[in-house]
Amino acid sequence: MTDPRAWVERHREDLLAFLQEIVERESPTEAKAAVDALGQVFQAAYRALGCAVRTVPQVQYGDHVVAETPPVPGPRVLLVGHLDTVYPLGTVARRPFTLRDGRAYGPAVMDMKGGLAVMLFALRALAATRGLGNARVVLNSDEEPGSPTSRDRWAAWSADADWAFVLEPAQPDGSLVLRRKGVGIFRLAVTGRAAHAGAEPERGANAILALAHHALAAAALADPAAGTTVNVGVVRGGTLPYVVPAAAEALIDVRVPTRTEAERVLGGLRALEAAEPVAGTRLQVHGAFHRPPMEPVEGTDALAALVESCGREVGLAVRFTATGGASDGNNLAAAGIPTVDGMGPAGAGAHSEEEWADVASLVQKTQLLALVLDRLWAGALPGRSRR
């Protein structure tokens, strides 16, 4: 047998059984031992494919796992997924893996254990049929909280990659992702001066009132037409109602579609520090964009066209979209790597009690990834050195 699509179809039950196994191995971000246990499952699986496997040890989070196929002449593809989930230990006891009406249910079944299964089985299909080219698999352990220990490693992990695929789930309508908004979390910290609110309020400088002005000014930096959002999500301040508050802070989530918008908003936030809407108060702005916008780079359009073409061969009408949610794909595109995200299965209810993955999509995405990898390794597109 030389057709990886047929291999995937023949191993459909194995794919579902593996998905059940990894769903039942809970791996919440904060449970390092549990994440490491899941990582060991994948270490064994990739070693069985002949990969060289290493870990990047972590203290607070699980260890990152990196697997490399045996080197051969030709281009290199980076395959990306995350081991961690948002569900606390014990969730699977209440909501076990189940198959019903063409859907697989269970905690993290779509985000993103379905994608982890797609990745592994696509490589297994190629190993059994067409042979493997150069692939680097990176499974990080801290994506859900924003990849705090791994996001600065993507430039190194992708330095010699020609293309990248992120196995996050497809969008609810099945679309794949070429654009994601950049994300920044900022803290507006205002200091004022405490005083008795009744006896001598004039001696105080109300930090909460100043923060209110600054928060409104920050929110005004949003540009809905451009796709830029600014959400004042948390406000804290003061101690007692009869004390003029000496301190207050706000936490703000900013989402931007482009680097230009990121620079504009960042400049606007920094400019607030010079304002003094309440005499005697001072503002400091803390934070940064930890996820740059995911924007197409040279080679992205050609890669998307290849994915679309291969989709037709597996009976999948591939569509592409943009989304406000971020992923590690943001950092890969920022490193200049043509990246297609959303290569995991379609479904709905991510991070909820009703999360599910579409079984037909799980199979089709495995076939699609196998076919795209085979074409890339065969030279269907020029690698970075020839673009």
Protein backbone atom coordinates (compact mmCIF):
# COMPACT_ATOMS: atom_id res chain seq x y z
CA MET A 1 0.00 0.00 0.00
CA THR A 2 1.43 3.40 -1.01
CA ASP A 3 -1.55 5.69 -0.42
CA PRO A 4 -1.43 7.28 3.05
CA ARG A 5 -5.11 8.20 2.77
CA ALA A 6 -6.09 4.54 2.54
CA TRP A 7 -3.82 3.71 5.47
CA VAL A 8 -5.56 6.31 7.62
CA GLU A 9 -8.98 4.95 6.69
CA ARG A 10 -7.88 1.42 7.56
CA HIS A 11 -6.60 2.63 10.93
CA ARG A 12 -9.60 4.76 11.82
CA GLU A 13 -10.36 2.68 14.92
CA ASP A 14 -6.74 2.86 16.06
CA LEU A 15 -6.87 6.64 15.67
CA LEU A 16 -10.01 6.85 17.80
CA ALA A 17 -8.59 4.48 20.41
CA PHE A 18 -5.46 6.60 20.70
CA LEU A 19 -7.55 9.74 20.99
CA GLN A 20 -9.47 8.13 23.84
CA GLU A 21 -6.21 7.17 25.54
CA ILE A 22 -4.79 10.69 25.50
CA VAL A 23 -8.09 12.34 26.46
CA GLU A 24 -8.24 10.06 29.50
CA ARG A 25 -4.69 11.11 30.41
CA GLU A 26 -5.61 14.47 31.86
CA SER A 27 -2.99 17.19 31.53
CA PRO A 28 -4.02 20.55 33.01
CA THR A 29 -1.35 23.20 32.63
CA GLU A 30 -0.75 23.53 36.36
CA ALA A 31 -0.28 19.77 36.94
CA LYS A 32 3.32 19.25 35.86
CA ALA A 33 3.43 15.54 36.68
CA ALA A 34 0.30 14.87 34.64
CA VAL A 35 1.56 16.87 31.65
CA ASP A 36 4.89 15.06 31.82
CA ALA A 37 3.09 11.70 31.91
CA LEU A 38 1.26 12.59 28.69
CA GLY A 39 4.53 13.80 27.22
CA GLN A 40 6.06 10.40 27.89
CA VAL A 41 3.30 8.77 25.81
CA PHE A 42 4.33 10.89 22.85
CA GLN A 43 8.02 10.41 23.47
CA ALA A 44 7.50 6.67 23.17
CA ALA A 45 5.26 7.03 20.12
CA TYR A 46 7.75 9.19 18.22
CA ARG A 47 10.71 7.02 19.18
CA ALA A 48 8.78 4.09 17.69
CA LEU A 49 8.73 6.06 14.41
CA GLY A 50 12.51 6.29 14.53
CA CYS A 51 12.59 9.88 15.74
CA ALA A 52 15.27 11.36 17.93
CA VAL A 53 13.40 12.67 20.96
CA ARG A 54 14.51 15.15 23.58
CA THR A 55 12.84 17.18 26.29
CA VAL A 56 13.30 20.75 27.42
CA PRO A 57 12.94 20.46 31.20
CA GLN A 58 10.76 22.94 33.05
CA VAL A 59 10.22 23.65 36.73
CA GLN A 60 6.70 25.04 36.95
CA TYR A 61 5.20 23.54 33.80
CA GLY A 62 5.56 20.22 32.06
CA ASP A 63 8.67 19.50 30.01
CA HIS A 64 8.48 20.48 26.34
CA VAL A 65 8.93 17.57 23.92
CA VAL A 66 10.86 17.82 20.64
CA ALA A 67 11.00 14.94 18.15
CA GLU A 68 13.02 14.86 14.92
CA THR A 69 12.52 12.39 12.09
CA PRO A 70 15.72 10.75 10.78
CA PRO A 71 17.47 13.38 8.62
CA VAL A 72 17.27 13.04 4.85
CA PRO A 73 18.05 15.49 2.03
CA GLY A 74 15.25 17.96 1.43
CA PRO A 75 13.08 20.56 3.14
CA ARG A 76 11.99 20.56 6.77
CA VAL A 77 8.46 20.90 8.14
CA LEU A 78 7.66 22.02 11.68
CA LEU A 79 4.62 20.41 13.34
CA VAL A 80 3.33 22.13 16.46
CA GLY A 81 0.97 21.16 19.26
CA HIS A 82 0.55 21.60 23.00
CA LEU A 83 0.21 19.00 25.74
CA ASP A 84 -1.56 21.16 28.31
CA THR A 85 -5.29 21.70 28.72
CA VAL A 86 -7.60 23.94 30.75
CA TYR A 87 -9.53 21.16 32.51
CA PRO A 88 -8.68 20.32 36.15
CA LEU A 89 -7.78 16.81 37.24
CA GLY A 90 -10.89 14.74 37.80
CA THR A 91 -12.88 16.18 34.89
CA VAL A 92 -12.67 13.01 32.84
CA ALA A 93 -14.30 11.04 35.67
CA ARG A 94 -17.38 13.23 35.26
CA ARG A 95 -17.15 13.54 31.51
CA PRO A 96 -15.50 10.42 30.10
CA PHE A 97 -14.57 10.04 26.47
CA THR A 98 -17.63 9.03 24.49
CA LEU A 99 -18.56 8.61 20.83
CA ARG A 100 -22.06 9.70 19.86
CA ASP A 101 -23.65 10.65 16.54
CA GLY A 102 -20.36 11.05 14.73
CA ARG A 103 -18.82 13.15 17.48
CA ALA A 104 -16.13 12.44 20.07
CA TYR A 105 -16.81 14.07 23.45
CA GLY A 106 -14.47 14.62 26.36
CA PRO A 107 -12.25 17.22 28.00
CA ALA A 108 -9.74 18.66 25.50
CA VAL A 109 -10.87 16.24 22.80
CA MET A 110 -10.75 19.07 20.27
CA ASP A 111 -8.36 21.56 21.91
CA MET A 112 -6.08 20.02 21.29
CA LYS A 113 -5.74 16.32 21.81
CA GLY A 114 -7.52 15.72 18.54
CA GLY A 115 -4.77 17.70 16.81
CA LEU A 116 -2.06 15.72 18.63
CA ALA A 117 -3.62 12.50 17.33
CA VAL A 118 -3.86 13.87 13.79
CA MET A 119 -0.18 14.82 13.83
CA LEU A 120 1.06 11.44 15.05
CA PHE A 121 -1.15 9.35 12.78
CA ALA A 122 -0.32 11.41 9.68
CA LEU A 123 3.36 10.63 10.28
CA ARG A 124 2.55 6.99 10.99
CA ALA A 125 0.64 6.81 7.71
CA LEU A 126 3.58 8.21 5.76
CA ALA A 127 6.09 6.00 7.55
CA ALA A 128 4.04 2.96 6.52
CA THR A 129 3.51 4.06 2.91
CA ARG A 130 5.58 6.79 1.32
CA GLY A 131 8.36 7.26 3.83
CA LEU A 132 9.20 10.19 6.07
CA GLY A 133 10.93 13.41 5.14
CA ASN A 134 12.37 15.95 7.55
CA ALA A 135 9.95 16.90 10.30
CA ARG A 136 10.41 18.48 13.69
CA VAL A 137 7.55 17.94 16.13
CA VAL A 138 7.34 20.38 19.02
CA LEU A 139 4.85 19.75 21.81
CA ASN A 140 4.98 22.52 24.38
CA SER A 141 3.45 22.32 27.82
CA ASP A 142 2.28 25.87 28.51
CA GLU A 143 0.28 27.12 25.53
CA GLU A 144 -2.98 27.71 27.35
CA PRO A 145 -1.58 30.50 29.61
CA GLY A 146 0.22 32.08 26.64
CA SER A 147 3.36 29.92 26.37
CA PRO A 148 5.34 31.82 29.03
CA THR A 149 8.33 29.43 28.96
CA SER A 150 8.18 28.40 25.32
CA ARG A 151 7.23 31.46 23.29
CA ASP A 152 10.82 32.77 23.21
CA ARG A 153 12.02 29.39 21.90
CA TRP A 154 10.01 29.38 18.67
CA ALA A 155 12.60 31.34 16.72
CA ALA A 156 15.20 28.67 17.50
CA TRP A 157 12.84 25.74 17.01
CA SER A 158 11.82 27.09 13.60
CA ALA A 159 15.15 28.49 12.43
CA ASP A 160 15.72 25.80 9.77
CA ALA A 161 12.05 25.08 8.99
CA ASP A 162 10.63 25.75 5.54
CA TRP A 163 6.98 25.56 6.60
CA ALA A 164 4.96 25.09 9.77
CA PHE A 165 1.61 23.56 10.64
CA VAL A 166 -0.13 24.20 13.94
CA LEU A 167 -2.54 21.46 14.95
CA GLU A 168 -4.94 23.68 16.87
CA PRO A 169 -8.57 22.84 16.07
CA ALA A 170 -10.23 24.22 13.00
CA GLN A 171 -12.72 27.03 13.45
CA PRO A 172 -16.34 26.05 14.22
CA ASP A 173 -17.22 26.21 10.51
CA GLY A 174 -14.22 24.04 9.64
CA SER A 175 -12.03 26.87 8.36
CA LEU A 176 -8.27 26.83 8.74
CA VAL A 177 -6.43 29.88 10.01
CA LEU A 178 -3.88 32.12 8.28
CA ARG A 179 -4.32 35.21 10.46
CA ARG A 180 -4.63 35.57 14.21
CA LYS A 181 -4.73 38.75 16.22
CA GLY A 182 -1.78 39.71 18.34
CA VAL A 183 -2.41 39.78 22.08
CA GLY A 184 -1.09 42.06 24.78
CA ILE A 185 -1.94 42.19 28.47
CA PHE A 186 -1.29 45.56 30.11
CA ARG A 187 -1.56 46.84 33.66
CA LEU A 188 -2.38 50.47 34.34
CA ALA A 189 -1.07 51.24 37.84
CA VAL A 190 -2.01 54.57 39.39
CA THR A 191 -0.51 55.95 42.59
CA GLY A 192 -2.16 58.80 44.46
CA ARG A 193 -2.20 60.02 48.03
CA ALA A 194 -4.35 58.75 50.90
CA ALA A 195 -6.37 61.09 53.10
CA HIS A 196 -9.45 61.11 55.30
CA ALA A 197 -12.37 61.38 52.90
CA GLY A 198 -14.44 63.45 55.31
CA ALA A 199 -12.02 65.49 57.41
CA GLU A 200 -9.47 66.57 54.81
CA PRO A 201 -10.19 65.17 51.34
CA GLU A 202 -8.25 68.05 49.79
CA ARG A 203 -5.03 66.47 51.07
CA GLY A 204 -5.67 63.33 49.03
CA ALA A 205 -5.15 62.41 45.37
CA ASN A 206 -7.80 59.92 44.28
CA ALA A 207 -6.13 57.09 42.37
CA ILE A 208 -9.43 55.47 41.44
CA LEU A 209 -10.76 58.61 39.78
CA ALA A 210 -7.52 58.99 37.87
CA LEU A 211 -7.65 55.34 36.82
CA ALA A 212 -11.20 55.84 35.53
CA HIS A 213 -9.95 58.57 33.19
CA HIS A 214 -7.01 56.48 32.03
CA ALA A 215 -9.18 53.40 31.49
CA LEU A 216 -11.57 55.36 29.30
CA ALA A 217 -8.65 56.78 27.34
CA ALA A 218 -7.21 53.30 26.87
CA ALA A 219 -10.54 51.91 25.71
CA ALA A 220 -10.77 54.74 23.17
CA LEU A 221 -7.68 53.31 21.45
CA ALA A 222 -9.86 50.48 20.10
CA ASP A 223 -10.60 50.58 16.38
CA PRO A 224 -13.46 48.20 15.57
CA ALA A 225 -13.19 48.92 11.84
CA ALA A 226 -9.56 47.81 11.87
CA GLY A 227 -10.29 44.86 14.14
CA THR A 228 -8.49 46.25 17.18
CA THR A 229 -10.14 45.66 20.55
CA VAL A 230 -9.29 46.99 23.99
CA ASN A 231 -10.99 45.33 26.95
CA VAL A 232 -10.70 46.76 30.45
CA GLY A 233 -11.23 43.45 32.20
CA VAL A 234 -10.17 43.92 35.83
CA VAL A 235 -10.18 47.00 38.07
CA ARG A 236 -8.89 47.12 41.64
CA GLY A 237 -8.33 49.96 44.06
CA GLY A 238 -8.90 51.57 47.42
CA THR A 239 -9.17 50.19 50.91
CA LEU A 240 -12.19 51.72 52.67
CA PRO A 241 -14.99 54.02 51.54
CA TYR A 242 -13.90 56.78 53.90
CA VAL A 243 -10.29 56.82 52.68
CA VAL A 244 -9.20 58.67 49.54
CA PRO A 245 -7.58 55.79 47.61
CA ALA A 246 -3.82 55.94 47.19
CA ALA A 247 -3.55 53.15 44.63
CA ALA A 248 -5.60 51.58 41.84
CA GLU A 249 -4.92 49.36 38.86
CA ALA A 250 -6.63 48.01 35.77
CA LEU A 251 -5.78 44.96 33.65
CA ILE A 252 -6.41 45.37 29.95
CA ASP A 253 -6.53 42.86 27.11
CA VAL A 254 -5.58 44.27 23.70
CA ARG A 255 -6.07 42.41 20.40
CA VAL A 256 -4.59 43.76 17.16
CA PRO A 257 -4.67 42.42 13.59
CA THR A 258 -1.36 43.90 12.44
CA ARG A 259 2.02 45.03 13.73
CA THR A 260 1.13 48.57 12.70
CA GLU A 261 -1.90 48.52 14.98
CA ALA A 262 0.18 47.04 17.79
CA GLU A 263 2.63 49.92 17.53
CA ARG A 264 -0.19 52.47 17.46
CA VAL A 265 -1.91 51.10 20.55
CA LEU A 266 1.34 50.67 22.45
CA GLY A 267 2.27 54.26 21.70
CA GLY A 268 -1.15 55.42 22.84
CA LEU A 269 -0.88 53.56 26.13
CA ARG A 270 2.60 54.90 26.80
CA ALA A 271 1.38 58.43 26.09
CA LEU A 272 -1.14 58.13 28.93
CA GLU A 273 1.72 58.19 31.41
CA ALA A 274 2.23 61.90 30.71
CA ALA A 275 -1.39 62.75 31.59
CA GLU A 276 -2.49 63.77 35.09
CA PRO A 277 -6.30 63.81 35.05
CA VAL A 278 -6.35 64.06 38.85
CA ALA A 279 -3.75 66.32 40.42
CA GLY A 280 -1.16 64.47 42.47
CA THR A 281 -1.61 61.09 40.75
CA ARG A 282 0.85 59.19 38.55
CA LEU A 283 0.30 56.42 36.02
CA GLN A 284 2.70 53.65 35.06
CA VAL A 285 1.90 51.31 32.17
CA HIS A 286 3.26 47.76 32.39
CA GLY A 287 3.00 44.94 29.87
CA ALA A 288 3.70 44.05 26.26
CA PHE A 289 2.39 42.12 23.29
CA HIS A 290 3.36 38.54 24.16
CA ARG A 291 1.73 37.22 20.99
CA PRO A 292 2.57 39.22 17.85
CA PRO A 293 -0.08 39.27 15.13
CA MET A 294 -0.06 36.22 12.88
CA GLU A 295 0.15 37.61 9.37
CA PRO A 296 0.98 35.90 6.07
CA VAL A 297 4.65 36.00 5.07
CA GLU A 298 6.41 35.13 1.86
CA GLY A 299 5.39 31.59 0.97
CA THR A 300 2.15 31.53 3.00
CA ASP A 301 -0.16 31.96 0.01
CA ALA A 302 1.54 29.14 -1.90
CA LEU A 303 1.34 26.87 1.14
CA ALA A 304 -2.35 27.66 1.58
CA ALA A 305 -2.99 26.89 -2.08
CA LEU A 306 -1.31 23.50 -1.71
CA VAL A 307 -3.40 22.70 1.38
CA GLU A 308 -6.54 23.70 -0.49
CA SER A 309 -5.60 21.51 -3.46
CA CYS A 310 -4.84 18.50 -1.25
CA GLY A 311 -8.10 19.10 0.57
CA ARG A 312 -10.01 18.48 -2.63
CA GLU A 313 -8.24 15.13 -2.96
CA VAL A 314 -9.52 14.00 0.44
CA GLY A 315 -13.02 15.41 -0.09
CA LEU A 316 -12.51 18.44 2.14
CA ALA A 317 -13.47 21.93 0.98
CA VAL A 318 -10.69 23.91 2.64
CA ARG A 319 -11.44 27.49 3.61
CA PHE A 320 -9.27 30.00 5.43
CA THR A 321 -10.19 32.67 7.90
CA ALA A 322 -8.87 35.07 10.53
CA THR A 323 -9.59 34.87 14.24
CA GLY A 324 -9.09 36.91 17.38
CA GLY A 325 -7.78 33.95 19.36
CA ALA A 326 -4.02 33.49 19.53
CA SER A 327 -1.80 30.41 19.35
CA ASP A 328 1.85 29.50 18.92
CA GLY A 329 1.25 30.13 15.23
CA ASN A 330 1.48 33.85 16.03
CA ASN A 331 5.10 33.46 17.09
CA LEU A 332 5.98 31.22 14.15
CA ALA A 333 4.64 33.65 11.56
CA ALA A 334 6.46 36.46 13.35
CA ALA A 335 9.66 34.43 12.87
CA GLY A 336 9.02 34.50 9.12
CA ILE A 337 7.81 30.90 8.72
CA PRO A 338 4.89 30.28 6.32
CA THR A 339 2.32 28.82 8.70
CA VAL A 340 -1.09 27.22 8.40
CA ASP A 341 -2.98 26.91 11.68
CA GLY A 342 -6.18 25.09 12.52
CA MET A 343 -4.97 21.78 11.04
CA GLY A 344 -6.66 19.87 13.85
CA PRO A 345 -10.21 18.53 13.66
CA ALA A 346 -13.32 20.67 13.55
CA GLY A 347 -15.73 20.68 16.46
CA ALA A 348 -17.12 23.08 19.02
CA GLY A 349 -17.29 23.93 22.70
CA ALA A 350 -13.58 24.38 23.39
CA HIS A 351 -12.87 24.87 27.11
CA SER A 352 -16.47 24.00 27.98
CA GLU A 353 -18.53 21.15 29.40
CA GLU A 354 -19.68 20.24 25.88
CA GLU A 355 -16.41 20.15 23.98
CA TRP A 356 -16.55 17.80 21.03
CA ALA A 357 -14.60 16.89 17.89
CA ASP A 358 -16.08 15.74 14.61
CA VAL A 359 -14.91 12.18 13.89
CA ALA A 360 -15.10 12.54 10.11
CA SER A 361 -13.02 15.71 10.36
CA LEU A 362 -10.47 13.92 12.56
CA VAL A 363 -9.95 11.33 9.82
CA GLN A 364 -9.96 13.83 6.97
CA LYS A 365 -7.48 16.15 8.69
CA THR A 366 -5.13 13.21 9.24
CA GLN A 367 -5.36 12.33 5.55
CA LEU A 368 -4.93 15.98 4.58
CA LEU A 369 -1.82 16.50 6.69
CA ALA A 370 -0.27 13.28 5.39
CA LEU A 371 -0.92 14.28 1.78
CA VAL A 372 0.40 17.83 2.24
CA LEU A 373 3.57 16.58 3.96
CA ASP A 374 4.17 14.06 1.19
CA ARG A 375 3.83 16.75 -1.47
CA LEU A 376 6.12 19.16 0.37
CA TRP A 377 8.78 16.54 0.86
CA ALA A 378 8.50 15.68 -2.83
CA GLY A 379 9.31 19.28 -3.76
CA ALA A 380 5.87 20.68 -4.57
CA LEU A 381 6.94 24.08 -3.24
CA PRO A 382 10.31 25.81 -3.03
CA GLY A 383 11.87 25.82 0.42
CA ARG A 384 13.02 28.99 2.17
CA SER A 385 16.45 28.93 0.55
CA ARG A 386 14.86 29.00 -2.94
CA ARG A 387 12.05 31.49 -2.33
